[in-house]
Amino acid sequence: MDLVVAALVVLIGGGITYALYRSMRGPSVRRAFARVPVTTAAGITTPGRYRLTGQVVPIGEVPASEASGRPYVARDLRIVVSAGDSGSTRPAHQAVDFLLDDDGTRTLVRVDGARVAIDRDFAAPKTTLDQVPWADALLRAGGYHNGSPATCTVRLYEGVLAPGEQAGVLGHTEPADGHAAALGATHVMRALPDVPLLIRAEPAAG
C-alpha cells in the first residue's frame, strides 16, 4: 500500500511539474505558429493573417529590464509570488513597437494586444515584493493585490527579445500607412479586436 501511495505522489508531482513547464513555455502561442506557414514580407499582396520572421530593428530607444538590465522590444515575464501558505504564478507580457526586417523588406509591428512567448533564460534572486515595486505595479495592473508586500516573497523568471535578434510574428498584415512608410516599412502587422498578435523569439539566422 505504501508503494502505491508513493507511486501516486511521484506521478502527481511529475504531472504538476510538467504542467508548470508547459505553462512557462507559452504552448498556445507555439501551437498557433505551427499551424501557419512562414511567408516572406515581400510576397504579401493582400491583407490577411500572416506569419513572418526576420531581424528586430528598434524604433528609437527601447526599454531595459528592471530585473536583468537587458534592452528589449518584447519581454516574457513570470512572477511567482507567495504569502504565507498561499501562492500564485502570474505572467506579464510587455512589448514596444518595432520593425521586422525580412531580407531587406521591413514590417512595422504594432504590439498593442500582443502575446509573447520567449524562453525564460534569467531568474532573479528571491526577494520580497516591497523590494521590486515595478513588479508590484505589474501585479496590481493584472488584478493581484497583496496587503503585506514586505512579507510577500517573489521570484522572477524572464526572457527578452532584444534589438538585432530574430523574431517570429503572427498577426493581421496590411499595407503600410503614412507613419509606417516614414519608418521604411511596406506593411503593418497588428492584432485584431478578437485575435491577438503573437510574438516569439526565433533561432539566429545562418
Protein backbone atom coordinates (compact mmCIF):
# COMPACT_ATOMS: atom_id res chain seq x y z
CA MET A 1 0.00 0.00 0.00
CA ASP A 2 2.81 2.38 0.88
CA LEU A 3 4.39 1.73 -2.52
CA VAL A 4 1.13 2.60 -4.27
CA VAL A 5 0.83 5.85 -2.34
CA ALA A 6 4.46 6.73 -3.08
CA ALA A 7 3.94 6.00 -6.78
CA LEU A 8 0.84 8.23 -6.84
CA VAL A 9 2.75 11.05 -5.16
CA VAL A 10 5.53 10.77 -7.77
CA LEU A 11 3.02 10.74 -10.63
CA ILE A 12 1.09 13.71 -9.29
CA GLY A 13 4.31 15.63 -8.63
CA GLY A 14 5.55 14.86 -12.12
CA GLY A 15 2.24 16.00 -13.59
CA ILE A 16 2.37 19.28 -11.74
CA THR A 17 5.97 19.85 -12.83
CA TYR A 18 5.08 19.12 -16.46
CA ALA A 19 2.06 21.43 -16.32
CA LEU A 20 4.19 24.22 -14.87
CA TYR A 21 6.83 23.64 -17.54
CA ARG A 22 4.21 23.82 -20.28
CA SER A 23 2.63 26.95 -18.85
CA MET A 24 6.00 28.69 -18.66
CA ARG A 25 6.76 27.99 -22.33
CA GLY A 26 3.60 29.52 -23.81
CA PRO A 27 2.29 26.37 -25.57
CA SER A 28 -0.78 28.06 -27.09
CA VAL A 29 1.45 30.57 -28.90
CA ARG A 30 3.67 27.81 -30.23
CA ARG A 31 0.68 25.80 -31.45
CA ALA A 32 -0.60 28.85 -33.33
CA PHE A 33 2.77 29.29 -35.05
CA ALA A 34 2.84 25.62 -36.02
CA ARG A 35 -0.49 25.99 -37.85
CA VAL A 36 0.58 28.90 -40.07
CA PRO A 37 3.47 28.60 -42.57
CA VAL A 38 6.13 31.31 -42.82
CA THR A 39 5.58 33.91 -45.54
CA THR A 40 8.10 36.39 -46.93
CA ALA A 41 7.11 40.01 -46.39
CA ALA A 42 7.98 40.82 -50.00
CA GLY A 43 5.44 38.25 -51.18
CA ILE A 44 2.42 39.71 -49.34
CA THR A 45 -0.05 41.17 -51.84
CA THR A 46 -3.37 41.20 -49.95
CA PRO A 47 -4.28 41.96 -46.32
CA GLY A 48 -4.69 38.92 -44.10
CA ARG A 49 -3.23 36.83 -41.31
CA TYR A 50 0.42 36.03 -41.94
CA ARG A 51 3.44 34.64 -40.13
CA LEU A 52 6.71 36.49 -40.72
CA THR A 53 10.23 36.02 -39.46
CA GLY A 54 13.15 38.43 -39.50
CA GLN A 55 15.54 40.61 -37.56
CA VAL A 56 14.32 43.01 -34.90
CA VAL A 57 15.02 46.65 -35.74
CA PRO A 58 14.21 49.00 -32.84
CA ILE A 59 12.36 52.27 -33.26
CA GLY A 60 14.28 54.77 -31.17
CA GLU A 61 15.30 53.92 -27.62
CA VAL A 62 13.90 50.71 -26.16
CA PRO A 63 13.22 49.89 -22.50
CA ALA A 64 15.66 47.96 -20.31
CA SER A 65 14.57 45.19 -18.00
CA GLU A 66 14.43 46.14 -14.33
CA ALA A 67 15.29 42.53 -13.48
CA SER A 68 18.26 41.77 -15.76
CA GLY A 69 19.21 45.15 -17.24
CA ARG A 70 18.81 43.85 -20.80
CA PRO A 71 17.23 46.00 -23.54
CA TYR A 72 14.12 44.52 -25.13
CA VAL A 73 11.32 45.09 -27.60
CA ALA A 74 9.33 42.22 -26.07
CA ARG A 75 9.54 40.57 -22.66
CA ASP A 76 8.00 37.35 -21.33
CA LEU A 77 7.99 37.65 -17.55
CA ARG A 78 6.74 35.16 -14.99
CA ILE A 79 6.21 36.44 -11.43
CA VAL A 80 5.90 33.75 -8.75
CA VAL A 81 4.56 35.20 -5.51
CA SER A 82 3.85 33.58 -2.16
CA ALA A 83 2.49 34.95 1.10
CA GLY A 84 2.17 32.51 3.98
CA ASP A 85 0.74 29.23 2.71
CA SER A 86 -0.74 30.66 -0.47
CA GLY A 87 1.00 31.41 -3.74
CA SER A 88 0.38 32.08 -7.40
CA THR A 89 2.19 32.44 -10.68
CA ARG A 90 1.43 35.48 -12.81
CA PRO A 91 2.55 36.10 -16.40
CA ALA A 92 3.34 39.58 -17.68
CA HIS A 93 3.88 40.24 -21.40
CA GLN A 94 5.37 43.60 -22.35
CA ALA A 95 6.40 44.93 -25.74
CA VAL A 96 7.05 48.11 -27.71
CA ASP A 97 6.52 48.71 -31.43
CA PHE A 98 9.42 47.59 -33.61
CA LEU A 99 10.36 46.89 -37.21
CA LEU A 100 10.84 43.35 -38.53
CA ASP A 101 13.42 43.15 -41.33
CA ASP A 102 12.82 40.22 -43.66
CA ASP A 103 15.71 40.22 -46.14
CA GLY A 104 15.50 43.98 -46.65
CA THR A 105 11.71 44.29 -46.53
CA ARG A 106 10.51 45.88 -43.31
CA THR A 107 7.20 45.48 -41.49
CA LEU A 108 6.07 47.69 -38.64
CA VAL A 109 4.89 45.50 -35.75
CA ARG A 110 2.29 47.29 -33.62
CA VAL A 111 2.29 45.45 -30.33
CA ASP A 112 -0.98 46.58 -28.76
CA GLY A 113 -2.83 43.37 -27.91
CA ALA A 114 0.27 41.18 -28.29
CA ARG A 115 1.05 37.89 -26.59
CA VAL A 116 4.71 36.98 -26.15
CA ALA A 117 6.42 33.57 -25.88
CA ILE A 118 10.15 33.66 -25.16
CA ASP A 119 12.22 31.04 -23.33
CA ARG A 120 12.92 32.38 -19.86
CA ASP A 121 16.70 32.31 -19.52
CA PHE A 122 17.04 34.59 -16.48
CA ALA A 123 15.96 34.03 -12.88
CA ALA A 124 16.30 36.82 -10.32
CA PRO A 125 17.17 36.02 -6.70
CA LYS A 126 14.22 35.56 -4.36
CA THR A 127 13.16 38.81 -2.74
CA THR A 128 10.12 40.46 -1.23
CA LEU A 129 7.55 42.44 -3.16
CA ASP A 130 8.43 45.73 -1.48
CA GLN A 131 11.96 45.46 -2.93
CA VAL A 132 10.67 45.26 -6.52
CA PRO A 133 7.98 47.97 -6.73
CA TRP A 134 7.91 47.73 -10.54
CA ALA A 135 6.82 44.07 -10.22
CA ASP A 136 4.21 45.11 -7.66
CA ALA A 137 2.85 47.61 -10.20
CA LEU A 138 2.63 44.88 -12.86
CA LEU A 139 0.84 42.55 -10.47
CA ARG A 140 -1.65 45.23 -9.46
CA ALA A 141 -2.29 46.08 -13.10
CA GLY A 142 -3.10 42.40 -13.62
CA GLY A 143 -5.53 42.34 -10.69
CA TYR A 144 -3.28 40.85 -7.97
CA HIS A 145 -3.13 42.73 -4.66
CA ASN A 146 -1.13 41.80 -1.59
CA GLY A 147 -1.69 43.54 1.71
CA SER A 148 1.83 42.88 3.06
CA PRO A 149 4.47 43.49 0.34
CA ALA A 150 7.25 43.24 2.95
CA THR A 151 6.34 39.61 3.70
CA CYS A 152 5.29 38.55 0.21
CA THR A 153 8.17 36.64 -1.42
CA VAL A 154 8.77 36.97 -5.15
CA ARG A 155 10.74 35.03 -7.78
CA LEU A 156 11.12 36.49 -11.27
CA TYR A 157 11.76 34.50 -14.45
CA GLU A 158 12.37 36.41 -17.66
CA GLY A 159 13.03 36.04 -21.35
CA VAL A 160 13.59 39.02 -23.64
CA LEU A 161 13.60 39.69 -27.37
CA ALA A 162 16.39 42.21 -27.92
CA PRO A 163 17.21 44.52 -30.84
CA GLY A 164 19.10 42.65 -33.55
CA GLU A 165 17.70 39.24 -32.62
CA GLN A 166 15.49 37.03 -34.78
CA ALA A 167 11.77 37.13 -34.17
CA GLY A 168 8.68 35.40 -35.44
CA VAL A 169 5.45 37.39 -35.61
CA LEU A 170 1.94 36.18 -36.41
CA GLY A 171 -0.87 38.65 -36.95
CA HIS A 172 -3.05 40.65 -39.31
CA THR A 173 -0.92 42.26 -42.01
CA GLU A 174 -1.90 45.14 -44.26
CA PRO A 175 -0.20 47.81 -46.43
CA ALA A 176 1.79 50.46 -44.58
CA ASP A 177 0.08 53.67 -43.58
CA GLY A 178 1.88 57.03 -43.61
CA HIS A 179 3.59 56.53 -40.26
CA ALA A 180 4.83 53.04 -41.16
CA ALA A 181 6.03 54.18 -44.59
CA ALA A 182 8.00 57.02 -42.98
CA LEU A 183 9.85 54.36 -40.95
CA GLY A 184 10.72 52.47 -44.13
CA ALA A 185 8.07 49.76 -43.71
CA THR A 186 6.00 48.31 -46.55
CA HIS A 187 3.46 46.65 -44.26
CA VAL A 188 1.93 46.88 -40.78
CA MET A 189 1.28 43.84 -38.63
CA ARG A 190 -1.14 44.13 -35.71
CA ALA A 191 -3.77 42.42 -33.60
CA LEU A 192 -7.45 42.37 -34.46
CA PRO A 193 -10.10 43.02 -31.78
CA ASP A 194 -10.72 39.30 -31.25
CA VAL A 195 -7.36 37.86 -32.40
CA PRO A 196 -4.10 38.72 -30.61
CA LEU A 197 -0.77 39.47 -32.24
CA LEU A 198 1.73 36.72 -31.38
CA ILE A 199 5.45 37.33 -30.93
CA ARG A 200 8.21 34.82 -30.22
CA ALA A 201 11.98 34.58 -30.39
CA GLU A 202 13.48 32.57 -33.25
CA PRO A 203 16.88 30.86 -33.63
CA ALA A 204 19.60 33.12 -35.03
CA ALA A 205 19.75 33.13 -38.84
CA GLY A 206 22.54 31.28 -40.57
